[in-house]
Amino acid sequence: MSVPSPAARLLARLANDELGNATTQLISWAPVWFVVFGVFMMNMQLGRNYIQRDMVDHATAVAADSTMKTLCADSKDYGGVPLGEYKGARATAIRDSIEPLIGLVSSSRDACKLNVREGAGGTAPGTRAVEVELRCDFPCNIPIAADLMCSGSPKRVVFVAKRSTVAMGCDVNEGR
């Protein structure tokens, strides 16, 4: 039996090496894990956007209800702001009614803009047709998903919801 030369032993050891095999296997799985992780992150962003959209819709409905109740309420209750006008204490009351809902999906008080304007309809005496629009601009903070699912720079998603309502009792004399 012959003894192998040192070069032959080194060559045999390299041929039987399985340490490099583990590195190759890990590298081959890297794209799979990147895709799995990316899908997970996109699901997180999608879930977050779903909740934000749901809260914007709900807050718009609450704002429409608050608008209906406050626009034609007694001016004494709203710092003397005339009936049917969306300003001052009336606007603050309507905005305050949706703050808790918006606070659930955004830490910024400026994430949403509420706009109340005169709408079509409300032809009966003492009625005031109004359209309530809530526009919310939320940042997308989830890595990978923000680049694929959101737009702008910085990455953001914008939700707009509108509701129409009719405020009644605007023809009632004040002070009674």
N, C-alpha and C. Protein backbone atom coordinates (compact mmCIF):
# COMPACT_ATOMS: atom_id res chain seq x y z
N MET A 1 0.83 -1.15 0.00
CA MET A 1 0.00 0.00 0.00
C MET A 1 0.89 1.23 0.00
N SER A 2 0.55 2.15 -0.86
CA SER A 2 1.38 3.34 -0.96
C SER A 2 0.77 4.48 -0.15
N VAL A 3 1.60 5.31 0.33
CA VAL A 3 1.18 6.47 1.10
C VAL A 3 0.98 7.63 0.13
N PRO A 4 -0.20 8.29 0.20
CA PRO A 4 -0.44 9.40 -0.73
C PRO A 4 0.48 10.58 -0.42
N SER A 5 0.77 11.31 -1.44
CA SER A 5 1.62 12.48 -1.28
C SER A 5 0.85 13.59 -0.58
N PRO A 6 1.54 14.58 -0.02
CA PRO A 6 0.82 15.68 0.64
C PRO A 6 -0.11 16.41 -0.32
N ALA A 7 0.27 16.56 -1.57
CA ALA A 7 -0.60 17.24 -2.54
C ALA A 7 -1.85 16.42 -2.80
N ALA A 8 -1.72 15.09 -2.87
CA ALA A 8 -2.88 14.22 -3.09
C ALA A 8 -3.80 14.26 -1.89
N ARG A 9 -3.20 14.29 -0.69
CA ARG A 9 -4.03 14.37 0.52
C ARG A 9 -4.82 15.69 0.55
N LEU A 10 -4.17 16.78 0.19
CA LEU A 10 -4.84 18.08 0.16
C LEU A 10 -5.97 18.08 -0.88
N LEU A 11 -5.72 17.51 -2.03
CA LEU A 11 -6.73 17.44 -3.06
C LEU A 11 -7.91 16.56 -2.63
N ALA A 12 -7.65 15.47 -1.96
CA ALA A 12 -8.71 14.59 -1.46
C ALA A 12 -9.53 15.30 -0.37
N ARG A 13 -8.81 16.02 0.48
CA ARG A 13 -9.53 16.74 1.53
C ARG A 13 -10.44 17.82 0.93
N LEU A 14 -10.00 18.53 -0.07
CA LEU A 14 -10.84 19.55 -0.72
C LEU A 14 -12.03 18.92 -1.45
N ALA A 15 -11.80 17.75 -2.04
CA ALA A 15 -12.88 17.07 -2.76
C ALA A 15 -13.96 16.58 -1.81
N ASN A 16 -13.58 16.22 -0.60
CA ASN A 16 -14.54 15.72 0.39
C ASN A 16 -15.10 16.81 1.31
N ASP A 17 -14.70 18.04 1.10
CA ASP A 17 -15.12 19.14 1.97
C ASP A 17 -16.62 19.42 1.82
N GLU A 18 -17.32 19.44 2.94
CA GLU A 18 -18.74 19.77 2.93
C GLU A 18 -19.01 21.13 3.56
N LEU A 19 -17.99 21.81 4.05
CA LEU A 19 -18.19 23.13 4.63
C LEU A 19 -18.65 24.13 3.58
N GLY A 20 -18.08 24.11 2.43
CA GLY A 20 -18.49 24.99 1.35
C GLY A 20 -19.90 24.69 0.86
N ASN A 21 -20.32 23.45 1.01
CA ASN A 21 -21.65 23.03 0.59
C ASN A 21 -22.73 23.75 1.40
N ALA A 22 -22.50 23.92 2.68
CA ALA A 22 -23.48 24.61 3.52
C ALA A 22 -23.63 26.05 3.08
N THR A 23 -22.52 26.69 2.76
CA THR A 23 -22.60 28.08 2.30
C THR A 23 -23.37 28.16 0.99
N THR A 24 -23.13 27.25 0.09
CA THR A 24 -23.84 27.23 -1.18
C THR A 24 -25.34 27.01 -0.98
N GLN A 25 -25.69 26.11 -0.07
CA GLN A 25 -27.11 25.87 0.19
C GLN A 25 -27.79 27.10 0.79
N LEU A 26 -27.09 27.78 1.70
CA LEU A 26 -27.67 28.99 2.29
C LEU A 26 -27.88 30.06 1.23
N ILE A 27 -26.91 30.22 0.37
CA ILE A 27 -27.03 31.23 -0.67
C ILE A 27 -28.17 30.88 -1.63
N SER A 28 -28.37 29.61 -1.90
CA SER A 28 -29.44 29.23 -2.81
C SER A 28 -30.82 29.47 -2.20
N TRP A 29 -30.93 29.44 -0.87
CA TRP A 29 -32.20 29.71 -0.21
C TRP A 29 -32.45 31.20 0.02
N ALA A 30 -31.46 32.04 -0.13
CA ALA A 30 -31.61 33.47 0.15
C ALA A 30 -32.74 34.11 -0.66
N PRO A 31 -32.85 33.89 -1.97
CA PRO A 31 -33.97 34.50 -2.71
C PRO A 31 -35.33 34.04 -2.20
N VAL A 32 -35.43 32.79 -1.81
CA VAL A 32 -36.70 32.28 -1.30
C VAL A 32 -37.07 33.01 -0.01
N TRP A 33 -36.10 33.17 0.89
CA TRP A 33 -36.39 33.86 2.15
C TRP A 33 -36.70 35.33 1.91
N PHE A 34 -36.04 35.95 0.93
CA PHE A 34 -36.33 37.34 0.61
C PHE A 34 -37.77 37.48 0.10
N VAL A 35 -38.22 36.58 -0.73
CA VAL A 35 -39.59 36.62 -1.24
C VAL A 35 -40.59 36.39 -0.10
N VAL A 36 -40.31 35.40 0.75
CA VAL A 36 -41.21 35.12 1.88
C VAL A 36 -41.28 36.34 2.80
N PHE A 37 -40.14 36.92 3.13
CA PHE A 37 -40.09 38.09 3.99
C PHE A 37 -40.80 39.28 3.31
N GLY A 38 -40.58 39.46 2.02
CA GLY A 38 -41.23 40.55 1.29
C GLY A 38 -42.75 40.41 1.29
N VAL A 39 -43.24 39.21 1.08
CA VAL A 39 -44.70 38.97 1.11
C VAL A 39 -45.24 39.24 2.51
N PHE A 40 -44.51 38.83 3.53
CA PHE A 40 -44.92 39.10 4.92
C PHE A 40 -45.02 40.61 5.16
N MET A 41 -44.01 41.36 4.72
CA MET A 41 -44.01 42.81 4.92
C MET A 41 -45.14 43.48 4.13
N MET A 42 -45.41 43.01 2.92
CA MET A 42 -46.51 43.57 2.13
C MET A 42 -47.85 43.28 2.78
N ASN A 43 -48.00 42.10 3.38
CA ASN A 43 -49.24 41.79 4.10
C ASN A 43 -49.40 42.71 5.31
N MET A 44 -48.30 43.02 5.98
CA MET A 44 -48.38 43.96 7.10
C MET A 44 -48.83 45.34 6.62
N GLN A 45 -48.25 45.82 5.51
CA GLN A 45 -48.62 47.13 4.98
C GLN A 45 -50.07 47.13 4.49
N LEU A 46 -50.47 46.04 3.84
CA LEU A 46 -51.85 45.93 3.36
C LEU A 46 -52.83 45.94 4.53
N GLY A 47 -52.52 45.22 5.59
CA GLY A 47 -53.37 45.22 6.78
C GLY A 47 -53.46 46.59 7.43
N ARG A 48 -52.32 47.26 7.49
CA ARG A 48 -52.30 48.60 8.05
C ARG A 48 -53.14 49.55 7.20
N ASN A 49 -53.00 49.48 5.89
CA ASN A 49 -53.78 50.34 5.00
C ASN A 49 -55.27 50.03 5.10
N TYR A 50 -55.62 48.77 5.26
CA TYR A 50 -57.03 48.38 5.39
C TYR A 50 -57.63 49.03 6.64
N ILE A 51 -56.92 48.97 7.74
CA ILE A 51 -57.41 49.58 8.99
C ILE A 51 -57.51 51.09 8.84
N GLN A 52 -56.51 51.70 8.20
CA GLN A 52 -56.55 53.15 7.99
C GLN A 52 -57.75 53.54 7.12
N ARG A 53 -57.98 52.79 6.06
CA ARG A 53 -59.11 53.10 5.18
C ARG A 53 -60.44 52.94 5.92
N ASP A 54 -60.54 51.90 6.71
CA ASP A 54 -61.76 51.66 7.48
C ASP A 54 -62.01 52.81 8.46
N MET A 55 -60.95 53.28 9.13
CA MET A 55 -61.10 54.38 10.08
C MET A 55 -61.45 55.69 9.38
N VAL A 56 -60.92 55.92 8.19
CA VAL A 56 -61.26 57.13 7.44
C VAL A 56 -62.74 57.10 7.06
N ASP A 57 -63.22 55.96 6.60
CA ASP A 57 -64.65 55.83 6.26
C ASP A 57 -65.53 56.05 7.49
N HIS A 58 -65.15 55.43 8.59
CA HIS A 58 -65.94 55.55 9.82
C HIS A 58 -65.90 56.98 10.35
N ALA A 59 -64.72 57.60 10.34
CA ALA A 59 -64.60 58.97 10.82
C ALA A 59 -65.41 59.93 9.95
N THR A 60 -65.48 59.67 8.66
CA THR A 60 -66.28 60.52 7.77
C THR A 60 -67.77 60.39 8.12
N ALA A 61 -68.22 59.19 8.40
CA ALA A 61 -69.62 59.00 8.81
C ALA A 61 -69.90 59.70 10.13
N VAL A 62 -68.96 59.62 11.07
CA VAL A 62 -69.13 60.31 12.36
C VAL A 62 -69.13 61.82 12.15
N ALA A 63 -68.24 62.32 11.29
CA ALA A 63 -68.19 63.76 11.01
C ALA A 63 -69.48 64.24 10.35
N ALA A 64 -70.04 63.44 9.45
CA ALA A 64 -71.31 63.81 8.81
C ALA A 64 -72.43 63.87 9.85
N ASP A 65 -72.45 62.92 10.75
CA ASP A 65 -73.46 62.91 11.81
C ASP A 65 -73.28 64.12 12.73
N SER A 66 -72.04 64.40 13.11
CA SER A 66 -71.77 65.56 13.96
C SER A 66 -72.12 66.86 13.25
N THR A 67 -71.84 66.93 11.96
CA THR A 67 -72.18 68.12 11.18
C THR A 67 -73.69 68.33 11.17
N MET A 68 -74.42 67.27 10.95
CA MET A 68 -75.88 67.34 10.92
C MET A 68 -76.41 67.87 12.25
N LYS A 69 -75.78 67.48 13.34
CA LYS A 69 -76.27 67.86 14.67
C LYS A 69 -75.79 69.23 15.13
N THR A 70 -74.64 69.68 14.65
CA THR A 70 -74.09 70.93 15.16
C THR A 70 -74.35 72.15 14.28
N LEU A 71 -74.49 72.00 12.99
CA LEU A 71 -74.63 73.18 12.13
C LEU A 71 -75.85 74.02 12.46
N CYS A 72 -76.94 73.40 12.81
CA CYS A 72 -78.17 74.13 13.09
C CYS A 72 -78.54 74.13 14.57
N ALA A 73 -77.56 73.81 15.41
CA ALA A 73 -77.80 73.86 16.86
C ALA A 73 -77.71 75.32 17.32
N ASP A 74 -78.20 75.58 18.51
CA ASP A 74 -78.24 76.94 19.06
C ASP A 74 -76.85 77.56 19.08
N SER A 75 -76.76 78.79 18.63
CA SER A 75 -75.48 79.50 18.55
C SER A 75 -74.85 79.72 19.92
N LYS A 76 -75.67 79.78 20.97
CA LYS A 76 -75.12 79.96 22.32
C LYS A 76 -74.21 78.81 22.70
N ASP A 77 -74.50 77.63 22.17
CA ASP A 77 -73.68 76.45 22.50
C ASP A 77 -72.35 76.44 21.75
N TYR A 78 -72.21 77.28 20.74
CA TYR A 78 -71.00 77.27 19.91
C TYR A 78 -70.37 78.65 19.79
N GLY A 79 -70.35 79.37 20.88
CA GLY A 79 -69.64 80.64 20.94
C GLY A 79 -70.19 81.72 20.04
N GLY A 80 -71.47 81.68 19.70
CA GLY A 80 -72.08 82.71 18.88
C GLY A 80 -71.89 82.54 17.38
N VAL A 81 -71.33 81.43 16.95
CA VAL A 81 -71.17 81.20 15.51
C VAL A 81 -72.57 81.06 14.90
N PRO A 82 -72.88 81.80 13.84
CA PRO A 82 -74.23 81.77 13.25
C PRO A 82 -74.64 80.36 12.80
N LEU A 83 -75.95 80.15 12.78
CA LEU A 83 -76.50 78.86 12.35
C LEU A 83 -76.05 78.53 10.94
N GLY A 84 -75.73 77.27 10.72
CA GLY A 84 -75.41 76.78 9.38
C GLY A 84 -74.01 77.09 8.89
N GLU A 85 -73.17 77.70 9.71
CA GLU A 85 -71.81 78.04 9.27
C GLU A 85 -70.79 77.10 9.90
N TYR A 86 -69.91 76.61 9.04
CA TYR A 86 -68.85 75.70 9.49
C TYR A 86 -67.60 76.52 9.78
N LYS A 87 -67.52 77.01 11.00
CA LYS A 87 -66.34 77.74 11.44
C LYS A 87 -66.35 77.83 12.95
N GLY A 88 -65.27 78.30 13.49
CA GLY A 88 -65.16 78.53 14.93
C GLY A 88 -65.43 77.29 15.77
N ALA A 89 -66.27 77.49 16.79
CA ALA A 89 -66.55 76.41 17.74
C ALA A 89 -67.32 75.26 17.10
N ARG A 90 -68.12 75.53 16.09
CA ARG A 90 -68.83 74.45 15.39
C ARG A 90 -67.83 73.55 14.67
N ALA A 91 -66.89 74.14 13.96
CA ALA A 91 -65.87 73.36 13.26
C ALA A 91 -65.01 72.58 14.25
N THR A 92 -64.68 73.20 15.37
CA THR A 92 -63.89 72.52 16.40
C THR A 92 -64.64 71.32 16.97
N ALA A 93 -65.94 71.48 17.21
CA ALA A 93 -66.74 70.38 17.76
C ALA A 93 -66.79 69.20 16.79
N ILE A 94 -66.95 69.51 15.50
CA ILE A 94 -67.00 68.44 14.49
C ILE A 94 -65.65 67.74 14.40
N ARG A 95 -64.58 68.52 14.38
CA ARG A 95 -63.24 67.96 14.30
C ARG A 95 -62.93 67.10 15.54
N ASP A 96 -63.33 67.60 16.71
CA ASP A 96 -63.09 66.85 17.95
C ASP A 96 -63.83 65.52 17.98
N SER A 97 -64.95 65.43 17.25
CA SER A 97 -65.71 64.18 17.25
C SER A 97 -64.98 63.05 16.51
N ILE A 98 -64.07 63.39 15.60
CA ILE A 98 -63.37 62.35 14.84
C ILE A 98 -61.93 62.12 15.31
N GLU A 99 -61.41 63.00 16.17
CA GLU A 99 -60.03 62.86 16.62
C GLU A 99 -59.72 61.50 17.25
N PRO A 100 -60.60 60.95 18.10
CA PRO A 100 -60.28 59.63 18.68
C PRO A 100 -60.13 58.52 17.63
N LEU A 101 -60.92 58.59 16.57
CA LEU A 101 -60.83 57.57 15.53
C LEU A 101 -59.54 57.71 14.72
N ILE A 102 -59.21 58.93 14.35
CA ILE A 102 -57.99 59.16 13.58
C ILE A 102 -56.77 58.84 14.44
N GLY A 103 -56.87 59.10 15.73
CA GLY A 103 -55.77 58.79 16.65
C GLY A 103 -55.44 57.31 16.72
N LEU A 104 -56.37 56.46 16.35
CA LEU A 104 -56.12 55.01 16.35
C LEU A 104 -55.18 54.59 15.23
N VAL A 105 -55.12 55.36 14.15
CA VAL A 105 -54.32 54.96 12.99
C VAL A 105 -53.19 55.93 12.66
N SER A 106 -53.11 57.06 13.38
CA SER A 106 -52.04 58.01 13.10
C SER A 106 -51.69 58.77 14.37
N SER A 107 -50.41 58.97 14.57
CA SER A 107 -49.96 59.74 15.73
C SER A 107 -49.93 61.24 15.42
N SER A 108 -50.08 61.61 14.17
CA SER A 108 -50.04 63.01 13.76
C SER A 108 -51.44 63.61 13.76
N ARG A 109 -51.57 64.78 14.39
CA ARG A 109 -52.87 65.47 14.37
C ARG A 109 -53.16 66.07 13.00
N ASP A 110 -52.13 66.24 12.19
CA ASP A 110 -52.30 66.86 10.88
C ASP A 110 -52.44 65.84 9.75
N ALA A 111 -52.63 64.58 10.08
CA ALA A 111 -52.71 63.54 9.04
C ALA A 111 -53.98 63.69 8.20
N CYS A 112 -55.04 64.22 8.79
CA CYS A 112 -56.32 64.30 8.09
C CYS A 112 -56.83 65.73 8.04
N LYS A 113 -57.43 66.07 6.91
CA LYS A 113 -58.05 67.38 6.73
C LYS A 113 -59.54 67.17 6.50
N LEU A 114 -60.34 67.84 7.30
CA LEU A 114 -61.79 67.76 7.20
C LEU A 114 -62.31 68.99 6.48
N ASN A 115 -63.16 68.77 5.49
CA ASN A 115 -63.74 69.86 4.72
C ASN A 115 -65.25 69.67 4.70
N VAL A 116 -65.97 70.67 5.15
CA VAL A 116 -67.43 70.66 5.13
C VAL A 116 -67.87 71.82 4.24
N ARG A 117 -68.62 71.51 3.20
CA ARG A 117 -69.10 72.56 2.29
C ARG A 117 -70.57 72.31 1.94
N GLU A 118 -71.18 73.36 1.41
CA GLU A 118 -72.59 73.25 1.05
C GLU A 118 -72.76 72.25 -0.08
N GLY A 119 -73.77 71.42 0.05
CA GLY A 119 -74.03 70.39 -0.95
C GLY A 119 -75.33 70.65 -1.68
N ALA A 120 -75.69 69.72 -2.53
CA ALA A 120 -76.93 69.81 -3.30
C ALA A 120 -78.08 69.25 -2.48
N GLY A 121 -79.24 69.81 -2.64
CA GLY A 121 -80.42 69.32 -1.92
C GLY A 121 -80.77 70.26 -0.79
N GLY A 122 -81.55 69.77 0.14
CA GLY A 122 -81.94 70.59 1.28
C GLY A 122 -82.86 71.74 0.90
N THR A 123 -83.84 71.46 0.06
CA THR A 123 -84.72 72.52 -0.44
C THR A 123 -85.82 72.88 0.55
N ALA A 124 -86.08 72.04 1.53
CA ALA A 124 -87.13 72.34 2.51
C ALA A 124 -86.67 73.49 3.41
N PRO A 125 -87.63 74.28 3.91
CA PRO A 125 -87.25 75.40 4.79
C PRO A 125 -86.48 74.90 6.02
N GLY A 126 -85.41 75.62 6.34
CA GLY A 126 -84.63 75.29 7.53
C GLY A 126 -83.63 74.18 7.35
N THR A 127 -83.51 73.66 6.15
CA THR A 127 -82.54 72.58 5.93
C THR A 127 -81.29 73.13 5.24
N ARG A 128 -80.20 72.49 5.49
CA ARG A 128 -78.95 72.89 4.89
C ARG A 128 -78.23 71.62 4.45
N ALA A 129 -78.13 71.40 3.14
CA ALA A 129 -77.42 70.23 2.61
C ALA A 129 -75.92 70.50 2.69
N VAL A 130 -75.18 69.54 3.18
CA VAL A 130 -73.73 69.68 3.30
C VAL A 130 -73.05 68.42 2.82
N GLU A 131 -71.83 68.60 2.35
CA GLU A 131 -70.99 67.47 1.96
C GLU A 131 -69.76 67.49 2.86
N VAL A 132 -69.50 66.37 3.47
CA VAL A 132 -68.36 66.23 4.37
C VAL A 132 -67.30 65.39 3.66
N GLU A 133 -66.09 65.92 3.60
CA GLU A 133 -64.99 65.20 2.96
C GLU A 133 -63.83 65.12 3.94
N LEU A 134 -63.31 63.92 4.11
CA LEU A 134 -62.15 63.70 4.96
C LEU A 134 -61.03 63.15 4.10
N ARG A 135 -59.92 63.86 4.08
CA ARG A 135 -58.75 63.46 3.28
C ARG A 135 -57.60 63.19 4.25
N CYS A 136 -57.13 61.94 4.24
CA CYS A 136 -56.06 61.55 5.15
C CYS A 136 -54.83 61.11 4.36
N ASP A 137 -53.69 61.54 4.83
CA ASP A 137 -52.41 61.27 4.19
C ASP A 137 -51.53 60.56 5.22
N PHE A 138 -51.37 59.25 5.07
CA PHE A 138 -50.62 58.45 6.03
C PHE A 138 -49.27 58.04 5.47
N PRO A 139 -48.22 58.07 6.30
CA PRO A 139 -46.91 57.60 5.83
C PRO A 139 -46.87 56.08 5.76
N CYS A 140 -46.07 55.57 4.85
CA CYS A 140 -45.84 54.13 4.75
C CYS A 140 -44.45 53.87 5.33
N ASN A 141 -44.39 53.22 6.47
CA ASN A 141 -43.14 53.02 7.18
C ASN A 141 -42.60 51.61 7.13
N ILE A 142 -43.30 50.69 6.52
CA ILE A 142 -42.87 49.29 6.54
C ILE A 142 -41.90 49.06 5.39
N PRO A 143 -40.67 48.63 5.71
CA PRO A 143 -39.65 48.44 4.67
C PRO A 143 -40.11 47.46 3.59
N ILE A 144 -39.57 47.60 2.43
CA ILE A 144 -39.84 46.79 1.24
C ILE A 144 -41.25 47.05 0.73
N ALA A 145 -42.25 46.87 1.59
CA ALA A 145 -43.65 47.06 1.18
C ALA A 145 -43.93 48.50 0.79
N ALA A 146 -43.34 49.46 1.51
CA ALA A 146 -43.58 50.86 1.20
C ALA A 146 -43.14 51.18 -0.23
N ASP A 147 -42.03 50.60 -0.65
CA ASP A 147 -41.53 50.86 -2.00
C ASP A 147 -42.44 50.27 -3.07
N LEU A 148 -43.10 49.18 -2.76
CA LEU A 148 -43.93 48.51 -3.75
C LEU A 148 -45.40 48.95 -3.71
N MET A 149 -45.88 49.37 -2.54
CA MET A 149 -47.31 49.60 -2.38
C MET A 149 -47.71 51.06 -2.20
N CYS A 150 -46.77 51.95 -1.96
CA CYS A 150 -47.08 53.35 -1.69
C CYS A 150 -46.39 54.24 -2.71
N SER A 151 -46.84 55.48 -2.79
CA SER A 151 -46.29 56.38 -3.80
C SER A 151 -45.76 57.65 -3.15
N GLY A 152 -45.08 58.45 -3.94
CA GLY A 152 -44.57 59.73 -3.47
C GLY A 152 -43.22 59.60 -2.80
N SER A 153 -42.72 60.74 -2.40
CA SER A 153 -41.46 60.77 -1.66
C SER A 153 -41.60 61.82 -0.57
N PRO A 154 -41.63 61.47 0.67
CA PRO A 154 -41.55 60.11 1.21
C PRO A 154 -42.81 59.30 0.88
N LYS A 155 -42.68 58.00 1.00
CA LYS A 155 -43.77 57.08 0.62
C LYS A 155 -45.00 57.33 1.49
N ARG A 156 -46.15 57.49 0.83
CA ARG A 156 -47.40 57.80 1.52
C ARG A 156 -48.57 57.10 0.83
N VAL A 157 -49.67 57.02 1.55
CA VAL A 157 -50.93 56.54 0.98
C VAL A 157 -52.00 57.56 1.38
N VAL A 158 -52.87 57.91 0.43
CA VAL A 158 -53.90 58.92 0.66
C VAL A 158 -55.27 58.27 0.52
N PHE A 159 -56.11 58.53 1.51
CA PHE A 159 -57.49 58.04 1.48
C PHE A 159 -58.42 59.24 1.56
N VAL A 160 -59.45 59.25 0.72
CA VAL A 160 -60.45 60.32 0.71
C VAL A 160 -61.83 59.67 0.81
N ALA A 161 -62.63 60.18 1.74
CA ALA A 161 -63.99 59.67 1.89
C ALA A 161 -64.95 60.86 1.94
N LYS A 162 -66.12 60.71 1.34
CA LYS A 162 -67.13 61.78 1.29
C LYS A 162 -68.47 61.23 1.75
N ARG A 163 -69.21 62.07 2.44
CA ARG A 163 -70.58 61.75 2.85
C ARG A 163 -71.41 63.01 2.69
N SER A 164 -72.65 62.83 2.29
CA SER A 164 -73.59 63.95 2.20
C SER A 164 -74.63 63.79 3.29
N THR A 165 -75.05 64.92 3.83
CA THR A 165 -76.07 64.90 4.87
C THR A 165 -76.87 66.20 4.79
N VAL A 166 -77.95 66.26 5.53
CA VAL A 166 -78.78 67.46 5.57
C VAL A 166 -78.96 67.85 7.03
N ALA A 167 -78.52 69.07 7.34
CA ALA A 167 -78.72 69.61 8.68
C ALA A 167 -80.08 70.28 8.71
N MET A 168 -80.83 70.05 9.75
CA MET A 168 -82.19 70.60 9.83
C MET A 168 -82.32 71.51 11.03
N GLY A 169 -83.23 72.46 10.90
CA GLY A 169 -83.51 73.38 12.00
C GLY A 169 -82.76 74.68 11.91
N CYS A 170 -82.18 74.99 10.76
CA CYS A 170 -81.42 76.23 10.59
C CYS A 170 -82.33 77.46 10.49
N ASP A 171 -83.64 77.26 10.41
CA ASP A 171 -84.56 78.41 10.33
C ASP A 171 -85.13 78.77 11.69
N VAL A 172 -84.74 78.06 12.72
CA VAL A 172 -85.25 78.34 14.06
C VAL A 172 -84.60 79.62 14.54
N ASN A 173 -85.42 80.50 15.11
CA ASN A 173 -84.89 81.76 15.65
C ASN A 173 -83.99 81.47 16.83
N GLU A 174 -82.89 82.18 16.90
CA GLU A 174 -81.96 81.98 18.01
C GLU A 174 -82.51 82.62 19.27
N GLY A 175 -82.11 82.07 20.39
CA GLY A 175 -82.47 82.64 21.67
C GLY A 175 -83.79 82.13 22.23
N ARG A 176 -84.47 81.26 21.57
CA ARG A 176 -85.75 80.75 22.08
C ARG A 176 -85.54 79.53 22.92
